[in-house]
Structures are given as structure tokens and as C-alpha cells.
Amino acid sequence: MEHCELCTRDGGEVVWQGYKLRVVLANEKGHPGFCRVIWNEHMAEMTDLPLSGRSQLMDAVWQVEAALRSVMSPRKINLASLGNAVPHVHWHVIPRYDDDAQFPGAVWAKARRKPSPEALAAREELLPALRAEIVRRMKGGRD
């Protein structure tokens, strides 16, 4: 679809690309490791995907969650599939920390605090290892 942001752009830094889906690192300020799992073909809702596609997409979400937990050791992982602004099937997989700006609220909520530059820098330093772990886990997946 020509007007769909996720059909015309990658949606972030592509870490892994398959025929059916891709995993990207989103450039979300203050949230290093924020990932998206995006279905490549334009579909608005999960139920638009065939059953096998739904399973494939969710398997990828679980693999990205596991990679984030393994490498970044967050307090919590948030999973979100909203699509109100971009009606294209995709999942947000977001590592959360006690000291992130919005915790315990949603990452899109008003900031409650300013995270320390040192904590953010330490998390940024983990991104090469996160990229490698996502690729390692996705190579074992179906696509």
C-alpha cells in the first residue's frame, strides 16, 4: 500500500529480514533495544493473516523477547500490537527498566523522570550483542 509507512519504509534498523517478516531496532529515544517485529505484506489485523502466519509472527515475537531478556536483562518486557496510527500488523517488543523515563507507565506515556545518561549508554553498548542474538535466534526460526 502506497500510504502505509511499514510498506514503504523499514520501520527501523533491519536486524533480520525473512520472506514473511522482519525484525527491526526502533530508534525510540530513551529506550535502547526497543524492537519491532513487522509482517512484510500489508495486513491490518492479526486475523487477516493465515493461521500459519500468525504462529510464525508470534514465534518471532517470542524469539525477540528471549534475545532481549538474555542480552539486556530488563526488569520487564512489554509487548504491544496497537496499529492505530499505522494499521499494518506489527508488534513492539520493549525492554523496560525501573529507571526508564516512563516506568511503570507505557513508553508512550508522559515522562516521570530523566534516565541517567550512564544507564542509557550502558544499554546502548549492549546493542551489538542484541543484534547478534536476534540473528542467531531467528536463523533457527521458520521463514
C-alpha atoms as a PDB file:
ATOM      1  CA  MET A   1       0.000   0.000   0.000  1.00  0.00           C
ATOM      2  CA  GLU A   2       1.495   3.292  -1.086  1.00  0.00           C
ATOM      3  CA  HIS A   3       0.349   5.226   2.004  1.00  0.00           C
ATOM      4  CA  CYS A   4       1.416   2.662   4.596  1.00  0.00           C
ATOM      5  CA  GLU A   5       4.565   3.636   6.468  1.00  0.00           C
ATOM      6  CA  LEU A   6       5.558  -0.011   7.089  1.00  0.00           C
ATOM      7  CA  CYS A   7       5.026  -0.932   3.429  1.00  0.00           C
ATOM      8  CA  THR A   8       7.176   1.915   2.121  1.00  0.00           C
ATOM      9  CA  ARG A   9       9.853   2.044   4.860  1.00  0.00           C
ATOM     10  CA  ASP A  10      11.661  -0.476   7.046  1.00  0.00           C
ATOM     11  CA  GLY A  11      10.266   0.811  10.353  1.00  0.00           C
ATOM     12  CA  GLY A  12      13.698   0.907  11.968  1.00  0.00           C
ATOM     13  CA  GLU A  13      17.135  -0.592  11.539  1.00  0.00           C
ATOM     14  CA  VAL A  14      16.625  -4.015   9.968  1.00  0.00           C
ATOM     15  CA  VAL A  15      18.368  -6.606  12.144  1.00  0.00           C
ATOM     16  CA  TRP A  16      16.894  -9.684  10.462  1.00  0.00           C
ATOM     17  CA  GLN A  17      14.865 -10.000   7.271  1.00  0.00           C
ATOM     18  CA  GLY A  18      12.922 -13.013   6.104  1.00  0.00           C
ATOM     19  CA  TYR A  19      10.445 -13.558   3.295  1.00  0.00           C
ATOM     20  CA  LYS A  20       7.383 -13.099   5.550  1.00  0.00           C
ATOM     21  CA  LEU A  21       8.604 -10.778   8.304  1.00  0.00           C
ATOM     22  CA  ARG A  22      11.423  -8.616   9.577  1.00  0.00           C
ATOM     23  CA  VAL A  23      12.839  -7.615  12.951  1.00  0.00           C
ATOM     24  CA  VAL A  24      13.977  -4.039  13.415  1.00  0.00           C
ATOM     25  CA  LEU A  25      15.552  -1.969  16.139  1.00  0.00           C
ATOM     26  CA  ALA A  26      13.377   1.095  16.528  1.00  0.00           C
ATOM     27  CA  ASN A  27      15.068   4.394  17.157  1.00  0.00           C
ATOM     28  CA  GLU A  28      12.961   5.254  20.208  1.00  0.00           C
ATOM     29  CA  LYS A  29      14.750   7.915  22.235  1.00  0.00           C
ATOM     30  CA  GLY A  30      15.484   6.744  25.747  1.00  0.00           C
ATOM     31  CA  HIS A  31      14.630   3.110  25.003  1.00  0.00           C
ATOM     32  CA  PRO A  32      17.660   1.244  23.627  1.00  0.00           C
ATOM     33  CA  GLY A  33      16.680  -2.233  22.488  1.00  0.00           C
ATOM     34  CA  PHE A  34      13.104  -1.291  21.540  1.00  0.00           C
ATOM     35  CA  CYS A  35      12.297  -3.749  18.726  1.00  0.00           C
ATOM     36  CA  ARG A  36       9.521  -4.229  16.226  1.00  0.00           C
ATOM     37  CA  VAL A  37       8.516  -7.464  14.534  1.00  0.00           C
ATOM     38  CA  ILE A  38       6.810  -6.480  11.276  1.00  0.00           C
ATOM     39  CA  TRP A  39       4.838  -8.634   8.857  1.00  0.00           C
ATOM     40  CA  ASN A  40       6.165  -7.759   5.383  1.00  0.00           C
ATOM     41  CA  GLU A  41       2.898  -7.990   3.450  1.00  0.00           C
ATOM     42  CA  HIS A  42       0.319  -5.348   4.239  1.00  0.00           C
ATOM     43  CA  MET A  43      -2.276  -6.720   6.616  1.00  0.00           C
ATOM     44  CA  ALA A  44      -4.237  -4.590   9.075  1.00  0.00           C
ATOM     45  CA  GLU A  45      -5.182  -7.194  11.687  1.00  0.00           C
ATOM     46  CA  MET A  46      -3.749 -10.430  13.062  1.00  0.00           C
ATOM     47  CA  THR A  47      -6.840 -12.291  11.866  1.00  0.00           C
ATOM     48  CA  ASP A  48      -6.052 -11.190   8.299  1.00  0.00           C
ATOM     49  CA  LEU A  49      -3.005 -13.478   8.429  1.00  0.00           C
ATOM     50  CA  PRO A  50      -3.397 -17.186   7.736  1.00  0.00           C
ATOM     51  CA  LEU A  51      -3.165 -19.318  10.867  1.00  0.00           C
ATOM     52  CA  SER A  52       0.367 -20.406   9.951  1.00  0.00           C
ATOM     53  CA  GLY A  53       1.379 -16.749   9.533  1.00  0.00           C
ATOM     54  CA  ARG A  54       0.001 -15.864  12.964  1.00  0.00           C
ATOM     55  CA  SER A  55       2.061 -18.642  14.500  1.00  0.00           C
ATOM     56  CA  GLN A  56       5.146 -17.603  12.565  1.00  0.00           C
ATOM     57  CA  LEU A  57       4.788 -13.966  13.625  1.00  0.00           C
ATOM     58  CA  MET A  58       4.291 -14.824  17.293  1.00  0.00           C
ATOM     59  CA  ASP A  59       7.236 -17.248  17.236  1.00  0.00           C
ATOM     60  CA  ALA A  60       9.361 -14.319  16.060  1.00  0.00           C
ATOM     61  CA  VAL A  61       7.999 -12.113  18.859  1.00  0.00           C
ATOM     62  CA  TRP A  62       8.955 -14.796  21.409  1.00  0.00           C
ATOM     63  CA  GLN A  63      12.445 -15.101  19.923  1.00  0.00           C
ATOM     64  CA  VAL A  64      12.995 -11.336  20.097  1.00  0.00           C
ATOM     65  CA  GLU A  65      11.697 -11.272  23.675  1.00  0.00           C
ATOM     66  CA  ALA A  66      14.093 -14.069  24.616  1.00  0.00           C
ATOM     67  CA  ALA A  67      17.004 -12.252  22.954  1.00  0.00           C
ATOM     68  CA  LEU A  68      16.192  -9.042  24.843  1.00  0.00           C
ATOM     69  CA  ARG A  69      15.946 -10.872  28.154  1.00  0.00           C
ATOM     70  CA  SER A  70      19.190 -12.724  27.540  1.00  0.00           C
ATOM     71  CA  VAL A  71      21.286  -9.751  26.450  1.00  0.00           C
ATOM     72  CA  MET A  72      19.749  -6.698  28.108  1.00  0.00           C
ATOM     73  CA  SER A  73      18.376  -8.124  31.387  1.00  0.00           C
ATOM     74  CA  PRO A  74      15.402  -5.756  31.639  1.00  0.00           C
ATOM     75  CA  ARG A  75      13.075  -5.666  34.625  1.00  0.00           C
ATOM     76  CA  LYS A  76      10.142  -6.394  32.295  1.00  0.00           C
ATOM     77  CA  ILE A  77       9.327  -6.845  28.614  1.00  0.00           C
ATOM     78  CA  ASN A  78       6.321  -5.036  27.185  1.00  0.00           C
ATOM     79  CA  LEU A  79       4.570  -6.485  24.137  1.00  0.00           C
ATOM     80  CA  ALA A  80       2.210  -4.257  22.195  1.00  0.00           C
ATOM     81  CA  SER A  81       0.307  -4.509  18.949  1.00  0.00           C
ATOM     82  CA  LEU A  82      -1.669  -1.320  18.512  1.00  0.00           C
ATOM     83  CA  GLY A  83      -1.682  -0.251  14.886  1.00  0.00           C
ATOM     84  CA  ASN A  84      -3.920   2.761  15.423  1.00  0.00           C
ATOM     85  CA  ALA A  85      -1.534   5.165  13.718  1.00  0.00           C
ATOM     86  CA  VAL A  86      -0.013   2.564  11.371  1.00  0.00           C
ATOM     87  CA  PRO A  87      -2.633  -0.090  10.509  1.00  0.00           C
ATOM     88  CA  HIS A  88      -0.101  -2.727   9.439  1.00  0.00           C
ATOM     89  CA  VAL A  89       0.455  -5.856  11.532  1.00  0.00           C
ATOM     90  CA  HIS A  90       3.491  -5.366  13.753  1.00  0.00           C
ATOM     91  CA  TRP A  91       4.477  -5.998  17.340  1.00  0.00           C
ATOM     92  CA  HIS A  92       6.528  -3.807  19.658  1.00  0.00           C
ATOM     93  CA  VAL A  93       8.893  -5.754  21.938  1.00  0.00           C
ATOM     94  CA  ILE A  94      10.184  -3.318  24.527  1.00  0.00           C
ATOM     95  CA  PRO A  95      12.700  -3.833  27.335  1.00  0.00           C
ATOM     96  CA  ARG A  96      11.687  -1.885  30.441  1.00  0.00           C
ATOM     97  CA  TYR A  97      13.709  -0.771  33.441  1.00  0.00           C
ATOM     98  CA  ASP A  98      12.846   0.784  36.807  1.00  0.00           C
ATOM     99  CA  ASP A  99      14.781   3.890  35.803  1.00  0.00           C
ATOM    100  CA  ASP A 100      13.402   4.422  32.288  1.00  0.00           C
ATOM    101  CA  ALA A 101      11.594   7.718  31.789  1.00  0.00           C
ATOM    102  CA  GLN A 102       8.028   6.390  31.872  1.00  0.00           C
ATOM    103  CA  PHE A 103       8.265   3.240  34.034  1.00  0.00           C
ATOM    104  CA  PRO A 104       5.893   1.801  35.196  1.00  0.00           C
ATOM    105  CA  GLY A 105       3.694   3.536  32.614  1.00  0.00           C
ATOM    106  CA  ALA A 106       3.703   2.784  28.908  1.00  0.00           C
ATOM    107  CA  VAL A 107       6.693   4.010  26.893  1.00  0.00           C
ATOM    108  CA  TRP A 108       4.330   6.420  25.150  1.00  0.00           C
ATOM    109  CA  ALA A 109       3.203   7.968  28.470  1.00  0.00           C
ATOM    110  CA  LYS A 110       4.449  11.272  29.856  1.00  0.00           C
ATOM    111  CA  ALA A 111       7.952  11.014  31.335  1.00  0.00           C
ATOM    112  CA  ARG A 112       8.132  10.654  35.123  1.00  0.00           C
ATOM    113  CA  ARG A 113      11.904  11.033  35.389  1.00  0.00           C
ATOM    114  CA  LYS A 114      15.021  11.631  33.361  1.00  0.00           C
ATOM    115  CA  PRO A 115      17.051   8.421  32.956  1.00  0.00           C
ATOM    116  CA  SER A 116      20.729   8.643  33.749  1.00  0.00           C
ATOM    117  CA  PRO A 117      22.987   9.104  30.729  1.00  0.00           C
ATOM    118  CA  GLU A 118      25.251   6.362  32.128  1.00  0.00           C
ATOM    119  CA  ALA A 119      22.418   3.811  32.259  1.00  0.00           C
ATOM    120  CA  LEU A 120      21.349   4.665  28.706  1.00  0.00           C
ATOM    121  CA  ALA A 121      24.950   4.463  27.472  1.00  0.00           C
ATOM    122  CA  ALA A 122      25.407   1.053  29.127  1.00  0.00           C
ATOM    123  CA  ARG A 123      22.260  -0.223  27.385  1.00  0.00           C
ATOM    124  CA  GLU A 124      23.386   1.235  24.045  1.00  0.00           C
ATOM    125  CA  GLU A 125      26.637  -0.715  24.409  1.00  0.00           C
ATOM    126  CA  LEU A 126      24.604  -3.945  24.507  1.00  0.00           C
ATOM    127  CA  LEU A 127      23.007  -3.339  21.102  1.00  0.00           C
ATOM    128  CA  PRO A 128      25.688  -5.138  19.016  1.00  0.00           C
ATOM    129  CA  ALA A 129      25.235  -8.233  21.194  1.00  0.00           C
ATOM    130  CA  LEU A 130      21.454  -7.886  20.914  1.00  0.00           C
ATOM    131  CA  ARG A 131      21.628  -7.718  17.119  1.00  0.00           C
ATOM    132  CA  ALA A 132      23.766 -10.865  17.046  1.00  0.00           C
ATOM    133  CA  GLU A 133      21.444 -12.713  19.435  1.00  0.00           C
ATOM    134  CA  ILE A 134      18.338 -11.822  17.413  1.00  0.00           C
ATOM    135  CA  VAL A 135      20.001 -13.076  14.232  1.00  0.00           C
ATOM    136  CA  ARG A 136      21.115 -16.273  15.977  1.00  0.00           C
ATOM    137  CA  ARG A 137      17.625 -16.970  17.286  1.00  0.00           C
ATOM    138  CA  MET A 138      15.840 -16.070  14.049  1.00  0.00           C
ATOM    139  CA  LYS A 139      18.057 -18.316  11.934  1.00  0.00           C
ATOM    140  CA  GLY A 140      16.556 -21.249  13.806  1.00  0.00           C
ATOM    141  CA  GLY A 141      13.024 -19.983  13.111  1.00  0.00           C
ATOM    142  CA  ARG A 142      10.686 -20.601  10.207  1.00  0.00           C
ATOM    143  CA  ASP A 143      10.586 -18.153   7.322  1.00  0.00           C
END
